[in-house]
Amino acid sequence: MTTDDDLYREPVAVLLGLAAPPRPVSAPEPDRDDDAGMNASLDPDVAQPAEPSSPDPVVAPVPAALPVDRAIEAILMVAEDAQSLVSLASAIDRPVAVVRQAIERLVADYDGLSGGPRRGFELREIAGGWRIYVREQYDAVVRDFVLTQSPTKLSQAALETLAVIAYKQPITRSQVAAIRAVNVDGVVRTLSTRGLITE
């Protein structure tokens, strides 16, 4: 006789790959009272009727890889610099040819050539790499937003860098860094974003 516990234990054992080999089938035993039958079913020496054999454990498939287009899109959204095809291919572990095709699909998607709307941003190749930019017709809107949302006060480092640039202009970033004796990349980027300096 199979108890409820056996019914619940057996599938779990099969899923985990720990199922015991099928039990041998024996001749039916004479009728006993209910208590004796229950005790006999718990006795390991008493042969139990064979249960239907279960198929081999099924191994769960490996989750499908992330879509290449969306993975590249996510990287380009957070990248500060233009990303080359090689760097994108190594980041998502795909061949360069696959990444090139994905970039072409993204460009068409953003430009509205694939049936969707034309986006307010575009994927542009620059300096041997790819980067997401605001479309030219939205520059004024974005500039106004950035300038109004940015705090009016500049940090001490930004003020010092701006003073050096104003006094020595035209000047390169490395010359500003040599005068201040610190890395000024972030400060220069902030000043450029706020429209206080131009390249």
C-alpha atoms as a PDB file:
ATOM      1  CA  MET A   1       0.000   0.000   0.000  1.00  0.00           C
ATOM      2  CA  THR A   2       1.388   3.405  -0.926  1.00  0.00           C
ATOM      3  CA  THR A   3       0.940   6.218   1.569  1.00  0.00           C
ATOM      4  CA  ASP A   4       0.452   9.882   0.781  1.00  0.00           C
ATOM      5  CA  ASP A   5       4.002  10.553   1.960  1.00  0.00           C
ATOM      6  CA  ASP A   6       5.359   8.122  -0.626  1.00  0.00           C
ATOM      7  CA  LEU A   7       3.383   9.835  -3.364  1.00  0.00           C
ATOM      8  CA  TYR A   8       4.881  13.196  -2.477  1.00  0.00           C
ATOM      9  CA  ARG A   9       8.401  11.878  -1.952  1.00  0.00           C
ATOM     10  CA  GLU A  10       8.730   9.965  -5.195  1.00  0.00           C
ATOM     11  CA  PRO A  11       8.323  12.886  -7.683  1.00  0.00           C
ATOM     12  CA  VAL A  12      10.770  14.993  -5.680  1.00  0.00           C
ATOM     13  CA  ALA A  13      13.302  12.198  -5.786  1.00  0.00           C
ATOM     14  CA  VAL A  14      12.825  11.919  -9.544  1.00  0.00           C
ATOM     15  CA  LEU A  15      13.295  15.658 -10.057  1.00  0.00           C
ATOM     16  CA  LEU A  16      16.469  15.604  -8.047  1.00  0.00           C
ATOM     17  CA  GLY A  17      17.774  12.541  -9.864  1.00  0.00           C
ATOM     18  CA  LEU A  18      17.812  10.490  -6.668  1.00  0.00           C
ATOM     19  CA  ALA A  19      15.050   8.039  -7.441  1.00  0.00           C
ATOM     20  CA  ALA A  20      15.631   4.548  -6.170  1.00  0.00           C
ATOM     21  CA  PRO A  21      15.555   1.681  -8.684  1.00  0.00           C
ATOM     22  CA  PRO A  22      12.108   0.166  -9.270  1.00  0.00           C
ATOM     23  CA  ARG A  23      11.019  -2.268  -6.582  1.00  0.00           C
ATOM     24  CA  PRO A  24      10.458  -5.910  -7.494  1.00  0.00           C
ATOM     25  CA  VAL A  25       6.881  -7.036  -7.949  1.00  0.00           C
ATOM     26  CA  SER A  26       5.731  -9.830  -5.668  1.00  0.00           C
ATOM     27  CA  ALA A  27       2.590 -11.895  -5.453  1.00  0.00           C
ATOM     28  CA  PRO A  28      -0.307 -10.201  -3.684  1.00  0.00           C
ATOM     29  CA  GLU A  29      -0.456 -10.897   0.003  1.00  0.00           C
ATOM     30  CA  PRO A  30      -3.536 -12.181   1.807  1.00  0.00           C
ATOM     31  CA  ASP A  31      -5.961  -9.643   3.216  1.00  0.00           C
ATOM     32  CA  ARG A  32      -5.078  -8.165   6.572  1.00  0.00           C
ATOM     33  CA  ASP A  33      -6.788  -5.721   8.796  1.00  0.00           C
ATOM     34  CA  ASP A  34      -6.140  -2.038   8.014  1.00  0.00           C
ATOM     35  CA  ASP A  35      -3.630  -1.446  10.810  1.00  0.00           C
ATOM     36  CA  ALA A  36      -1.552  -4.449   9.818  1.00  0.00           C
ATOM     37  CA  GLY A  37      -1.599  -3.338   6.202  1.00  0.00           C
ATOM     38  CA  MET A  38      -0.394   0.148   7.076  1.00  0.00           C
ATOM     39  CA  ASN A  39       2.388  -1.205   9.251  1.00  0.00           C
ATOM     40  CA  ALA A  40       3.406  -3.609   6.516  1.00  0.00           C
ATOM     41  CA  SER A  41       3.658  -0.781   3.995  1.00  0.00           C
ATOM     42  CA  LEU A  42       6.164   0.938   6.256  1.00  0.00           C
ATOM     43  CA  ASP A  43       8.241  -2.213   6.706  1.00  0.00           C
ATOM     44  CA  PRO A  44      11.211  -2.133   4.304  1.00  0.00           C
ATOM     45  CA  ASP A  45      11.396  -5.959   4.206  1.00  0.00           C
ATOM     46  CA  VAL A  46       7.868  -6.279   2.841  1.00  0.00           C
ATOM     47  CA  ALA A  47       7.756  -6.044  -0.940  1.00  0.00           C
ATOM     48  CA  GLN A  48       5.723  -3.143  -2.277  1.00  0.00           C
ATOM     49  CA  PRO A  49       3.847  -3.027  -5.568  1.00  0.00           C
ATOM     50  CA  ALA A  50       5.845  -1.390  -8.297  1.00  0.00           C
ATOM     51  CA  GLU A  51       4.876   2.133  -9.164  1.00  0.00           C
ATOM     52  CA  PRO A  52       4.817   3.353 -12.740  1.00  0.00           C
ATOM     53  CA  SER A  53       8.343   4.052 -13.888  1.00  0.00           C
ATOM     54  CA  SER A  54       9.136   7.727 -14.307  1.00  0.00           C
ATOM     55  CA  PRO A  55      11.152   9.100 -17.199  1.00  0.00           C
ATOM     56  CA  ASP A  56      14.723  10.147 -16.599  1.00  0.00           C
ATOM     57  CA  PRO A  57      15.151  13.463 -14.781  1.00  0.00           C
ATOM     58  CA  VAL A  58      14.733  16.418 -17.104  1.00  0.00           C
ATOM     59  CA  VAL A  59      17.528  18.951 -16.940  1.00  0.00           C
ATOM     60  CA  ALA A  60      16.252  22.523 -17.117  1.00  0.00           C
ATOM     61  CA  PRO A  61      17.396  24.249 -20.298  1.00  0.00           C
ATOM     62  CA  VAL A  62      19.922  27.040 -20.025  1.00  0.00           C
ATOM     63  CA  PRO A  63      18.097  30.393 -20.175  1.00  0.00           C
ATOM     64  CA  ALA A  64      18.259  31.970 -23.602  1.00  0.00           C
ATOM     65  CA  ALA A  65      20.874  34.661 -24.009  1.00  0.00           C
ATOM     66  CA  LEU A  66      19.740  38.247 -23.824  1.00  0.00           C
ATOM     67  CA  PRO A  67      18.747  39.739 -27.182  1.00  0.00           C
ATOM     68  CA  VAL A  68      21.844  41.257 -28.772  1.00  0.00           C
ATOM     69  CA  ASP A  69      20.109  44.496 -29.814  1.00  0.00           C
ATOM     70  CA  ARG A  70      18.764  45.204 -26.333  1.00  0.00           C
ATOM     71  CA  ALA A  71      22.071  44.305 -24.654  1.00  0.00           C
ATOM     72  CA  ILE A  72      23.985  46.737 -26.882  1.00  0.00           C
ATOM     73  CA  GLU A  73      21.328  49.381 -26.303  1.00  0.00           C
ATOM     74  CA  ALA A  74      21.687  49.016 -22.530  1.00  0.00           C
ATOM     75  CA  ILE A  75      25.481  49.380 -22.711  1.00  0.00           C
ATOM     76  CA  LEU A  76      25.266  52.462 -24.930  1.00  0.00           C
ATOM     77  CA  MET A  77      22.785  54.071 -22.537  1.00  0.00           C
ATOM     78  CA  VAL A  78      25.312  54.080 -19.692  1.00  0.00           C
ATOM     79  CA  ALA A  79      28.573  54.484 -21.630  1.00  0.00           C
ATOM     80  CA  GLU A  80      30.140  57.927 -21.385  1.00  0.00           C
ATOM     81  CA  ASP A  81      32.361  57.477 -24.434  1.00  0.00           C
ATOM     82  CA  ALA A  82      31.792  56.094 -27.919  1.00  0.00           C
ATOM     83  CA  GLN A  83      32.079  52.300 -27.955  1.00  0.00           C
ATOM     84  CA  SER A  84      33.801  50.454 -30.783  1.00  0.00           C
ATOM     85  CA  LEU A  85      32.350  47.311 -32.332  1.00  0.00           C
ATOM     86  CA  VAL A  86      35.164  45.277 -30.795  1.00  0.00           C
ATOM     87  CA  SER A  87      34.512  46.567 -27.270  1.00  0.00           C
ATOM     88  CA  LEU A  88      30.774  45.932 -27.633  1.00  0.00           C
ATOM     89  CA  ALA A  89      31.428  42.439 -28.993  1.00  0.00           C
ATOM     90  CA  SER A  90      33.687  41.570 -26.070  1.00  0.00           C
ATOM     91  CA  ALA A  91      31.194  43.043 -23.580  1.00  0.00           C
ATOM     92  CA  ILE A  92      28.345  40.813 -24.745  1.00  0.00           C
ATOM     93  CA  ASP A  93      30.514  37.883 -25.896  1.00  0.00           C
ATOM     94  CA  ARG A  94      29.337  37.897 -29.502  1.00  0.00           C
ATOM     95  CA  PRO A  95      31.181  38.077 -32.861  1.00  0.00           C
ATOM     96  CA  VAL A  96      31.871  41.522 -34.300  1.00  0.00           C
ATOM     97  CA  ALA A  97      29.747  40.724 -37.374  1.00  0.00           C
ATOM     98  CA  VAL A  98      26.721  40.031 -35.142  1.00  0.00           C
ATOM     99  CA  VAL A  99      27.274  43.294 -33.266  1.00  0.00           C
ATOM    100  CA  ARG A 100      27.580  45.225 -36.561  1.00  0.00           C
ATOM    101  CA  GLN A 101      24.220  43.848 -37.729  1.00  0.00           C
ATOM    102  CA  ALA A 102      22.633  44.706 -34.379  1.00  0.00           C
ATOM    103  CA  ILE A 103      23.959  48.282 -34.616  1.00  0.00           C
ATOM    104  CA  GLU A 104      22.452  48.615 -38.106  1.00  0.00           C
ATOM    105  CA  ARG A 105      19.094  47.405 -36.786  1.00  0.00           C
ATOM    106  CA  LEU A 106      19.231  49.870 -33.888  1.00  0.00           C
ATOM    107  CA  VAL A 107      20.058  52.776 -36.226  1.00  0.00           C
ATOM    108  CA  ALA A 108      17.085  51.840 -38.432  1.00  0.00           C
ATOM    109  CA  ASP A 109      14.855  51.460 -35.363  1.00  0.00           C
ATOM    110  CA  TYR A 110      15.778  54.854 -33.909  1.00  0.00           C
ATOM    111  CA  ASP A 111      15.392  56.543 -37.313  1.00  0.00           C
ATOM    112  CA  GLY A 112      11.899  55.067 -37.722  1.00  0.00           C
ATOM    113  CA  LEU A 113      12.874  53.013 -40.764  1.00  0.00           C
ATOM    114  CA  SER A 114      11.661  49.746 -39.246  1.00  0.00           C
ATOM    115  CA  GLY A 115       8.043  50.859 -38.958  1.00  0.00           C
ATOM    116  CA  GLY A 116       8.225  52.475 -35.512  1.00  0.00           C
ATOM    117  CA  PRO A 117       8.296  56.157 -34.581  1.00  0.00           C
ATOM    118  CA  ARG A 118      11.379  58.289 -35.127  1.00  0.00           C
ATOM    119  CA  ARG A 119      13.032  58.656 -31.733  1.00  0.00           C
ATOM    120  CA  GLY A 120      14.279  61.861 -30.125  1.00  0.00           C
ATOM    121  CA  PHE A 121      17.753  60.354 -30.039  1.00  0.00           C
ATOM    122  CA  GLU A 122      19.958  58.666 -32.610  1.00  0.00           C
ATOM    123  CA  LEU A 123      22.826  56.229 -32.736  1.00  0.00           C
ATOM    124  CA  ARG A 124      25.789  57.948 -34.325  1.00  0.00           C
ATOM    125  CA  GLU A 125      29.250  56.721 -35.253  1.00  0.00           C
ATOM    126  CA  ILE A 126      31.998  59.033 -34.078  1.00  0.00           C
ATOM    127  CA  ALA A 127      35.715  58.636 -33.430  1.00  0.00           C
ATOM    128  CA  GLY A 128      35.652  54.973 -34.453  1.00  0.00           C
ATOM    129  CA  GLY A 129      32.838  54.090 -32.076  1.00  0.00           C
ATOM    130  CA  TRP A 130      29.096  54.325 -31.526  1.00  0.00           C
ATOM    131  CA  ARG A 131      27.233  56.561 -29.107  1.00  0.00           C
ATOM    132  CA  ILE A 132      23.646  57.675 -28.475  1.00  0.00           C
ATOM    133  CA  TYR A 133      23.044  61.391 -29.109  1.00  0.00           C
ATOM    134  CA  VAL A 134      20.076  63.735 -28.960  1.00  0.00           C
ATOM    135  CA  ARG A 135      18.718  64.512 -32.413  1.00  0.00           C
ATOM    136  CA  GLU A 136      19.764  67.887 -33.727  1.00  0.00           C
ATOM    137  CA  GLN A 137      16.239  69.331 -33.804  1.00  0.00           C
ATOM    138  CA  TYR A 138      15.885  68.723 -30.038  1.00  0.00           C
ATOM    139  CA  ASP A 139      19.190  70.345 -29.036  1.00  0.00           C
ATOM    140  CA  ALA A 140      17.568  73.612 -27.919  1.00  0.00           C
ATOM    141  CA  VAL A 141      14.977  71.844 -25.771  1.00  0.00           C
ATOM    142  CA  VAL A 142      17.566  69.640 -24.079  1.00  0.00           C
ATOM    143  CA  ARG A 143      19.977  72.553 -23.572  1.00  0.00           C
ATOM    144  CA  ASP A 144      17.265  74.626 -21.854  1.00  0.00           C
ATOM    145  CA  PHE A 145      16.314  71.682 -19.673  1.00  0.00           C
ATOM    146  CA  VAL A 146      19.895  70.968 -18.633  1.00  0.00           C
ATOM    147  CA  LEU A 147      20.657  74.615 -17.863  1.00  0.00           C
ATOM    148  CA  THR A 148      17.485  75.129 -15.826  1.00  0.00           C
ATOM    149  CA  GLN A 149      17.849  71.853 -13.915  1.00  0.00           C
ATOM    150  CA  SER A 150      21.528  72.318 -13.080  1.00  0.00           C
ATOM    151  CA  PRO A 151      22.383  74.013  -9.803  1.00  0.00           C
ATOM    152  CA  THR A 152      23.640  77.563 -10.245  1.00  0.00           C
ATOM    153  CA  LYS A 153      26.605  77.181  -7.910  1.00  0.00           C
ATOM    154  CA  LEU A 154      29.886  75.720  -9.104  1.00  0.00           C
ATOM    155  CA  SER A 155      32.218  73.730  -6.914  1.00  0.00           C
ATOM    156  CA  GLN A 156      35.572  75.163  -5.875  1.00  0.00           C
ATOM    157  CA  ALA A 157      37.347  72.842  -8.312  1.00  0.00           C
ATOM    158  CA  ALA A 158      35.080  73.972 -11.161  1.00  0.00           C
ATOM    159  CA  LEU A 159      35.682  77.649 -10.340  1.00  0.00           C
ATOM    160  CA  GLU A 160      39.454  77.133 -10.258  1.00  0.00           C
ATOM    161  CA  THR A 161      39.410  75.243 -13.548  1.00  0.00           C
ATOM    162  CA  LEU A 162      37.203  77.886 -15.149  1.00  0.00           C
ATOM    163  CA  ALA A 163      39.570  80.624 -13.962  1.00  0.00           C
ATOM    164  CA  VAL A 164      42.571  78.832 -15.478  1.00  0.00           C
ATOM    165  CA  ILE A 165      40.747  78.379 -18.778  1.00  0.00           C
ATOM    166  CA  ALA A 166      39.585  82.007 -18.841  1.00  0.00           C
ATOM    167  CA  TYR A 167      43.082  83.331 -18.133  1.00  0.00           C
ATOM    168  CA  LYS A 168      45.076  81.008 -20.407  1.00  0.00           C
ATOM    169  CA  GLN A 169      42.624  80.367 -23.248  1.00  0.00           C
ATOM    170  CA  PRO A 170      42.973  78.707 -25.651  1.00  0.00           C
ATOM    171  CA  ILE A 171      44.321  75.880 -23.529  1.00  0.00           C
ATOM    172  CA  THR A 172      44.260  72.097 -23.654  1.00  0.00           C
ATOM    173  CA  ARG A 173      42.867  69.825 -20.973  1.00  0.00           C
ATOM    174  CA  SER A 174      46.318  68.421 -20.201  1.00  0.00           C
ATOM    175  CA  GLN A 175      47.694  71.940 -19.695  1.00  0.00           C
ATOM    176  CA  VAL A 176      44.859  72.733 -17.272  1.00  0.00           C
ATOM    177  CA  ALA A 177      45.596  69.492 -15.397  1.00  0.00           C
ATOM    178  CA  ALA A 178      49.318  70.385 -15.226  1.00  0.00           C
ATOM    179  CA  ILE A 179      48.557  73.825 -13.783  1.00  0.00           C
ATOM    180  CA  ARG A 180      46.088  72.486 -11.201  1.00  0.00           C
ATOM    181  CA  ALA A 181      48.122  69.299 -10.568  1.00  0.00           C
ATOM    182  CA  VAL A 182      44.938  67.186 -10.542  1.00  0.00           C
ATOM    183  CA  ASN A 183      42.806  65.334 -13.064  1.00  0.00           C
ATOM    184  CA  VAL A 184      40.273  67.784 -14.507  1.00  0.00           C
ATOM    185  CA  ASP A 185      38.323  65.491 -16.871  1.00  0.00           C
ATOM    186  CA  GLY A 186      35.145  65.481 -14.794  1.00  0.00           C
ATOM    187  CA  VAL A 187      35.266  69.207 -14.087  1.00  0.00           C
ATOM    188  CA  VAL A 188      35.833  70.058 -17.748  1.00  0.00           C
ATOM    189  CA  ARG A 189      32.926  67.810 -18.711  1.00  0.00           C
ATOM    190  CA  THR A 190      30.686  69.626 -16.214  1.00  0.00           C
ATOM    191  CA  LEU A 191      31.721  73.042 -17.482  1.00  0.00           C
ATOM    192  CA  SER A 192      31.167  71.955 -21.061  1.00  0.00           C
ATOM    193  CA  THR A 193      27.729  70.502 -20.253  1.00  0.00           C
ATOM    194  CA  ARG A 194      26.661  73.785 -18.696  1.00  0.00           C
ATOM    195  CA  GLY A 195      27.825  75.693 -21.754  1.00  0.00           C
ATOM    196  CA  LEU A 196      30.501  77.643 -19.874  1.00  0.00           C
ATOM    197  CA  ILE A 197      33.336  76.457 -22.116  1.00  0.00           C
ATOM    198  CA  THR A 198      33.511  75.193 -25.692  1.00  0.00           C
ATOM    199  CA  GLU A 199      35.898  72.876 -27.425  1.00  0.00           C
END
